[in-house]
Amino acid sequence: MVELRPIQSDAITAAGYDGTRRTLAVRYESGAVYEYFDVDPELYDELLGAQPHPWSRVGERVKSHRFRQLE
């Protein structure tokens, strides 16, 4: 799993991106971690840049990707 960076948000606590695999990992407030597949690096950049409310801005676009729960 990629290294997760803290995120200032009400919905998520951390996120990380693997550019080689084009995967985005997100840790939610509940503690659950999900990995989203085939994510453009620009979407991760938008997530980081949209703090303190990134999930309300890009969450729906992230959740439209295929995913799996890691933790």
C-alpha atoms as a PDB file:
ATOM      1  CA  MET A   1       0.000   0.000   0.000  1.00  0.00           C
ATOM      2  CA  VAL A   2       1.169   3.543  -0.671  1.00  0.00           C
ATOM      3  CA  GLU A   3       2.156   5.916   2.103  1.00  0.00           C
ATOM      4  CA  LEU A   4      -0.862   7.906   3.270  1.00  0.00           C
ATOM      5  CA  ARG A   5      -0.555  11.642   3.857  1.00  0.00           C
ATOM      6  CA  PRO A   6      -2.790  13.371   6.412  1.00  0.00           C
ATOM      7  CA  ILE A   7      -5.730  15.211   4.861  1.00  0.00           C
ATOM      8  CA  GLN A   8      -7.678  18.047   6.441  1.00  0.00           C
ATOM      9  CA  SER A   9     -11.276  16.958   5.893  1.00  0.00           C
ATOM     10  CA  ASP A  10     -14.473  16.009   7.701  1.00  0.00           C
ATOM     11  CA  ALA A  11     -14.855  12.779   5.710  1.00  0.00           C
ATOM     12  CA  ILE A  12     -11.345  11.397   5.199  1.00  0.00           C
ATOM     13  CA  THR A  13      -8.191  11.416   7.318  1.00  0.00           C
ATOM     14  CA  ALA A  14      -5.469  10.509   4.818  1.00  0.00           C
ATOM     15  CA  ALA A  15      -4.758   9.736   1.164  1.00  0.00           C
ATOM     16  CA  GLY A  16      -1.894   8.515  -0.966  1.00  0.00           C
ATOM     17  CA  TYR A  17      -1.241   7.998  -4.660  1.00  0.00           C
ATOM     18  CA  ASP A  18       0.859   5.486  -6.592  1.00  0.00           C
ATOM     19  CA  GLY A  19       1.582   6.981 -10.004  1.00  0.00           C
ATOM     20  CA  THR A  20       3.041   3.752 -11.368  1.00  0.00           C
ATOM     21  CA  ARG A  21      -0.107   1.770 -10.597  1.00  0.00           C
ATOM     22  CA  ARG A  22      -2.459   4.790 -10.915  1.00  0.00           C
ATOM     23  CA  THR A  23      -4.099   3.892  -7.610  1.00  0.00           C
ATOM     24  CA  LEU A  24      -5.428   6.203  -4.939  1.00  0.00           C
ATOM     25  CA  ALA A  25      -5.694   5.012  -1.344  1.00  0.00           C
ATOM     26  CA  VAL A  26      -8.093   6.830   0.987  1.00  0.00           C
ATOM     27  CA  ARG A  27      -8.551   6.384   4.745  1.00  0.00           C
ATOM     28  CA  TYR A  28     -12.015   7.415   5.885  1.00  0.00           C
ATOM     29  CA  GLU A  29     -12.971   8.812   9.302  1.00  0.00           C
ATOM     30  CA  SER A  30     -14.273   5.333  10.189  1.00  0.00           C
ATOM     31  CA  GLY A  31     -10.742   3.950   9.791  1.00  0.00           C
ATOM     32  CA  ALA A  32     -11.578   1.980   6.652  1.00  0.00           C
ATOM     33  CA  VAL A  33      -9.043   2.231   3.827  1.00  0.00           C
ATOM     34  CA  TYR A  34     -10.084   1.886   0.192  1.00  0.00           C
ATOM     35  CA  GLU A  35      -7.945   1.665  -2.915  1.00  0.00           C
ATOM     36  CA  TYR A  36      -9.336   3.197  -6.118  1.00  0.00           C
ATOM     37  CA  PHE A  37      -8.013   2.046  -9.502  1.00  0.00           C
ATOM     38  CA  ASP A  38      -7.087   3.859 -12.732  1.00  0.00           C
ATOM     39  CA  VAL A  39      -7.114   7.312 -11.111  1.00  0.00           C
ATOM     40  CA  ASP A  40      -5.521  10.197 -12.998  1.00  0.00           C
ATOM     41  CA  PRO A  41      -2.770  11.995 -11.058  1.00  0.00           C
ATOM     42  CA  GLU A  42      -4.633  15.265 -11.566  1.00  0.00           C
ATOM     43  CA  LEU A  43      -7.520  13.974  -9.466  1.00  0.00           C
ATOM     44  CA  TYR A  44      -5.142  13.268  -6.578  1.00  0.00           C
ATOM     45  CA  ASP A  45      -3.665  16.765  -6.981  1.00  0.00           C
ATOM     46  CA  GLU A  46      -7.190  18.230  -6.863  1.00  0.00           C
ATOM     47  CA  LEU A  47      -7.903  16.233  -3.700  1.00  0.00           C
ATOM     48  CA  LEU A  48      -4.829  17.658  -1.992  1.00  0.00           C
ATOM     49  CA  GLY A  49      -5.494  21.185  -3.221  1.00  0.00           C
ATOM     50  CA  ALA A  50      -9.140  21.279  -2.161  1.00  0.00           C
ATOM     51  CA  GLN A  51      -8.470  21.075   1.593  1.00  0.00           C
ATOM     52  CA  PRO A  52     -10.162  21.656   4.029  1.00  0.00           C
ATOM     53  CA  HIS A  53     -13.185  20.211   2.179  1.00  0.00           C
ATOM     54  CA  PRO A  54     -11.679  17.965  -0.508  1.00  0.00           C
ATOM     55  CA  TRP A  55     -14.214  15.153  -0.339  1.00  0.00           C
ATOM     56  CA  SER A  56     -17.155  17.439  -1.060  1.00  0.00           C
ATOM     57  CA  ARG A  57     -15.334  18.655  -4.192  1.00  0.00           C
ATOM     58  CA  VAL A  58     -13.888  15.442  -5.653  1.00  0.00           C
ATOM     59  CA  GLY A  59     -15.386  12.568  -3.656  1.00  0.00           C
ATOM     60  CA  GLU A  60     -18.019  11.630  -6.222  1.00  0.00           C
ATOM     61  CA  ARG A  61     -15.394  11.492  -8.980  1.00  0.00           C
ATOM     62  CA  VAL A  62     -13.116   9.316  -6.833  1.00  0.00           C
ATOM     63  CA  LYS A  63     -15.968   6.958  -5.923  1.00  0.00           C
ATOM     64  CA  SER A  64     -16.829   6.480  -9.616  1.00  0.00           C
ATOM     65  CA  HIS A  65     -13.636   4.377  -9.987  1.00  0.00           C
ATOM     66  CA  ARG A  66     -13.423   0.655  -9.405  1.00  0.00           C
ATOM     67  CA  PHE A  67     -12.250   0.006  -5.843  1.00  0.00           C
ATOM     68  CA  ARG A  68     -11.494  -2.512  -3.120  1.00  0.00           C
ATOM     69  CA  GLN A  69     -11.391  -2.258   0.658  1.00  0.00           C
ATOM     70  CA  LEU A  70      -7.914  -2.760   2.147  1.00  0.00           C
ATOM     71  CA  GLU A  71      -8.588  -2.329   5.871  1.00  0.00           C
END
